[in-house]
Amino acid sequence: MVQPVPRIGLILTLLVLSAFFGFIIFASFAPAVLAQPAIGAVPLSFVLTAALILGAILVTGLYVWTVNAGETR
């Protein structure tokens, strides 16, 4: 029997999409800010991009863990 996708999937999807599009909008309107160094000579844009990628990986892991935990009940 096919189970419906939990509501957490929609919430996590909206979270990742809002972070991504927020970054895109921020880059469009304030590119000079993203060019500023954040850690030594590493620009802020690189740090935020790495945070977006790691955050998406963590959110995916959270979703998989939540869905798999629900299957064992």
N, C-alpha and C. Protein backbone atom coordinates (compact mmCIF):
# COMPACT_ATOMS: atom_id res chain seq x y z
N MET A 1 0.84 -1.18 0.00
CA MET A 1 0.00 0.00 0.00
C MET A 1 0.89 1.25 0.00
N VAL A 2 0.56 2.20 -0.81
CA VAL A 2 1.35 3.43 -0.92
C VAL A 2 0.90 4.39 0.16
N GLN A 3 1.88 4.88 0.92
CA GLN A 3 1.58 5.82 2.00
C GLN A 3 1.75 7.25 1.49
N PRO A 4 0.95 8.18 1.96
CA PRO A 4 1.14 9.57 1.54
C PRO A 4 2.44 10.14 2.10
N VAL A 5 3.02 11.07 1.36
CA VAL A 5 4.25 11.71 1.80
C VAL A 5 3.93 12.58 3.01
N PRO A 6 4.72 12.48 4.04
CA PRO A 6 4.44 13.30 5.23
C PRO A 6 4.53 14.79 4.93
N ARG A 7 3.85 15.56 5.73
CA ARG A 7 3.84 17.02 5.57
C ARG A 7 5.24 17.60 5.73
N ILE A 8 6.10 16.91 6.46
CA ILE A 8 7.46 17.43 6.66
C ILE A 8 8.20 17.57 5.33
N GLY A 9 7.85 16.74 4.35
CA GLY A 9 8.48 16.85 3.04
C GLY A 9 8.19 18.20 2.40
N LEU A 10 6.96 18.66 2.49
CA LEU A 10 6.60 19.95 1.95
C LEU A 10 7.29 21.08 2.71
N ILE A 11 7.35 20.97 4.00
CA ILE A 11 7.99 22.00 4.83
C ILE A 11 9.48 22.10 4.51
N LEU A 12 10.15 20.97 4.43
CA LEU A 12 11.58 20.97 4.15
C LEU A 12 11.87 21.44 2.72
N THR A 13 11.00 21.10 1.80
CA THR A 13 11.16 21.58 0.42
C THR A 13 11.06 23.10 0.37
N LEU A 14 10.07 23.65 1.03
CA LEU A 14 9.90 25.11 1.07
C LEU A 14 11.08 25.78 1.77
N LEU A 15 11.64 25.14 2.77
CA LEU A 15 12.80 25.69 3.46
C LEU A 15 14.01 25.78 2.53
N VAL A 16 14.28 24.71 1.80
CA VAL A 16 15.43 24.70 0.88
C VAL A 16 15.20 25.68 -0.27
N LEU A 17 14.00 25.71 -0.83
CA LEU A 17 13.71 26.63 -1.92
C LEU A 17 13.81 28.08 -1.49
N SER A 18 13.31 28.39 -0.30
CA SER A 18 13.39 29.77 0.17
C SER A 18 14.84 30.18 0.43
N ALA A 19 15.66 29.27 0.94
CA ALA A 19 17.08 29.59 1.14
C ALA A 19 17.78 29.81 -0.20
N PHE A 20 17.48 28.97 -1.18
CA PHE A 20 18.11 29.09 -2.49
C PHE A 20 17.70 30.39 -3.18
N PHE A 21 16.40 30.64 -3.25
CA PHE A 21 15.94 31.84 -3.93
C PHE A 21 16.30 33.10 -3.15
N GLY A 22 16.38 33.00 -1.83
CA GLY A 22 16.86 34.12 -1.04
C GLY A 22 18.30 34.47 -1.38
N PHE A 23 19.10 33.45 -1.55
CA PHE A 23 20.50 33.67 -1.95
C PHE A 23 20.57 34.30 -3.34
N ILE A 24 19.77 33.83 -4.27
CA ILE A 24 19.76 34.37 -5.63
C ILE A 24 19.32 35.83 -5.62
N ILE A 25 18.29 36.15 -4.86
CA ILE A 25 17.82 37.54 -4.78
C ILE A 25 18.88 38.41 -4.12
N PHE A 26 19.50 37.91 -3.07
CA PHE A 26 20.56 38.65 -2.40
C PHE A 26 21.73 38.92 -3.34
N ALA A 27 22.08 37.91 -4.14
CA ALA A 27 23.17 38.08 -5.10
C ALA A 27 22.81 39.06 -6.20
N SER A 28 21.54 39.14 -6.54
CA SER A 28 21.10 40.06 -7.59
C SER A 28 21.14 41.51 -7.13
N PHE A 29 20.76 41.74 -5.89
CA PHE A 29 20.63 43.11 -5.41
C PHE A 29 21.84 43.62 -4.63
N ALA A 30 22.70 42.73 -4.16
CA ALA A 30 23.86 43.17 -3.37
C ALA A 30 25.10 42.35 -3.73
N PRO A 31 25.53 42.36 -4.99
CA PRO A 31 26.70 41.56 -5.35
C PRO A 31 27.98 42.04 -4.69
N ALA A 32 28.07 43.32 -4.38
CA ALA A 32 29.28 43.84 -3.73
C ALA A 32 29.45 43.26 -2.32
N VAL A 33 28.34 43.03 -1.66
CA VAL A 33 28.41 42.45 -0.30
C VAL A 33 28.95 41.03 -0.38
N LEU A 34 28.51 40.27 -1.37
CA LEU A 34 28.96 38.89 -1.51
C LEU A 34 30.43 38.80 -1.91
N ALA A 35 30.97 39.86 -2.45
CA ALA A 35 32.38 39.86 -2.85
C ALA A 35 33.31 40.14 -1.67
N GLN A 36 32.78 40.60 -0.57
CA GLN A 36 33.59 40.92 0.60
C GLN A 36 34.18 39.64 1.21
N PRO A 37 35.40 39.72 1.73
CA PRO A 37 35.98 38.53 2.37
C PRO A 37 35.25 38.19 3.68
N ALA A 38 35.02 36.92 3.89
CA ALA A 38 34.33 36.46 5.09
C ALA A 38 35.29 35.77 6.05
N ILE A 39 36.08 34.85 5.52
CA ILE A 39 37.05 34.10 6.31
C ILE A 39 38.39 34.24 5.61
N GLY A 40 39.23 35.11 6.11
CA GLY A 40 40.50 35.35 5.44
C GLY A 40 40.25 35.99 4.08
N ALA A 41 40.68 35.33 3.03
CA ALA A 41 40.49 35.84 1.67
C ALA A 41 39.31 35.17 0.97
N VAL A 42 38.60 34.30 1.67
CA VAL A 42 37.47 33.58 1.07
C VAL A 42 36.26 34.51 1.04
N PRO A 43 35.67 34.71 -0.14
CA PRO A 43 34.53 35.63 -0.23
C PRO A 43 33.28 35.06 0.43
N LEU A 44 32.42 35.98 0.83
CA LEU A 44 31.16 35.61 1.48
C LEU A 44 30.30 34.74 0.59
N SER A 45 30.35 34.97 -0.71
CA SER A 45 29.55 34.17 -1.64
C SER A 45 29.93 32.69 -1.57
N PHE A 46 31.20 32.40 -1.44
CA PHE A 46 31.65 31.01 -1.35
C PHE A 46 31.16 30.38 -0.06
N VAL A 47 31.25 31.11 1.04
CA VAL A 47 30.81 30.59 2.34
C VAL A 47 29.31 30.30 2.32
N LEU A 48 28.52 31.24 1.78
CA LEU A 48 27.08 31.04 1.73
C LEU A 48 26.69 29.91 0.78
N THR A 49 27.39 29.78 -0.32
CA THR A 49 27.11 28.68 -1.25
C THR A 49 27.41 27.34 -0.60
N ALA A 50 28.53 27.25 0.09
CA ALA A 50 28.86 26.00 0.80
C ALA A 50 27.82 25.70 1.87
N ALA A 51 27.35 26.73 2.56
CA ALA A 51 26.31 26.53 3.59
C ALA A 51 25.01 26.05 2.95
N LEU A 52 24.66 26.58 1.79
CA LEU A 52 23.45 26.12 1.09
C LEU A 52 23.56 24.65 0.70
N ILE A 53 24.71 24.26 0.18
CA ILE A 53 24.89 22.87 -0.24
C ILE A 53 24.84 21.94 0.96
N LEU A 54 25.58 22.28 2.01
CA LEU A 54 25.57 21.44 3.22
C LEU A 54 24.19 21.41 3.87
N GLY A 55 23.51 22.54 3.86
CA GLY A 55 22.16 22.59 4.42
C GLY A 55 21.19 21.71 3.64
N ALA A 56 21.30 21.72 2.32
CA ALA A 56 20.44 20.86 1.51
C ALA A 56 20.72 19.38 1.78
N ILE A 57 21.98 19.05 1.96
CA ILE A 57 22.34 17.66 2.28
C ILE A 57 21.76 17.26 3.64
N LEU A 58 21.88 18.15 4.62
CA LEU A 58 21.33 17.86 5.95
C LEU A 58 19.81 17.74 5.94
N VAL A 59 19.15 18.62 5.19
CA VAL A 59 17.69 18.56 5.10
C VAL A 59 17.26 17.26 4.41
N THR A 60 17.98 16.84 3.39
CA THR A 60 17.67 15.58 2.72
C THR A 60 17.84 14.41 3.69
N GLY A 61 18.91 14.43 4.45
CA GLY A 61 19.13 13.38 5.45
C GLY A 61 18.04 13.36 6.51
N LEU A 62 17.62 14.54 6.94
CA LEU A 62 16.54 14.63 7.93
C LEU A 62 15.24 14.06 7.37
N TYR A 63 14.95 14.38 6.12
CA TYR A 63 13.75 13.86 5.49
C TYR A 63 13.79 12.33 5.38
N VAL A 64 14.90 11.80 4.90
CA VAL A 64 15.03 10.35 4.76
C VAL A 64 14.92 9.67 6.11
N TRP A 65 15.57 10.22 7.11
CA TRP A 65 15.52 9.64 8.46
C TRP A 65 14.09 9.66 9.00
N THR A 66 13.38 10.76 8.78
CA THR A 66 12.01 10.89 9.28
C THR A 66 11.08 9.91 8.59
N VAL A 67 11.18 9.81 7.26
CA VAL A 67 10.31 8.92 6.51
C VAL A 67 10.60 7.46 6.86
N ASN A 68 11.88 7.12 6.97
CA ASN A 68 12.22 5.73 7.32
C ASN A 68 11.80 5.40 8.74
N ALA A 69 11.84 6.34 9.65
CA ALA A 69 11.40 6.08 11.02
C ALA A 69 9.89 5.86 11.04
N GLY A 70 9.16 6.52 10.16
CA GLY A 70 7.71 6.34 10.10
C GLY A 70 7.30 5.00 9.52
N GLU A 71 8.15 4.40 8.69
CA GLU A 71 7.85 3.10 8.09
C GLU A 71 7.94 1.97 9.09
N THR A 72 8.75 2.14 10.12
CA THR A 72 8.93 1.05 11.09
C THR A 72 7.83 1.01 12.13
N ARG A 73 7.00 2.02 12.16
CA ARG A 73 5.92 2.04 13.17
C ARG A 73 4.80 1.14 12.80
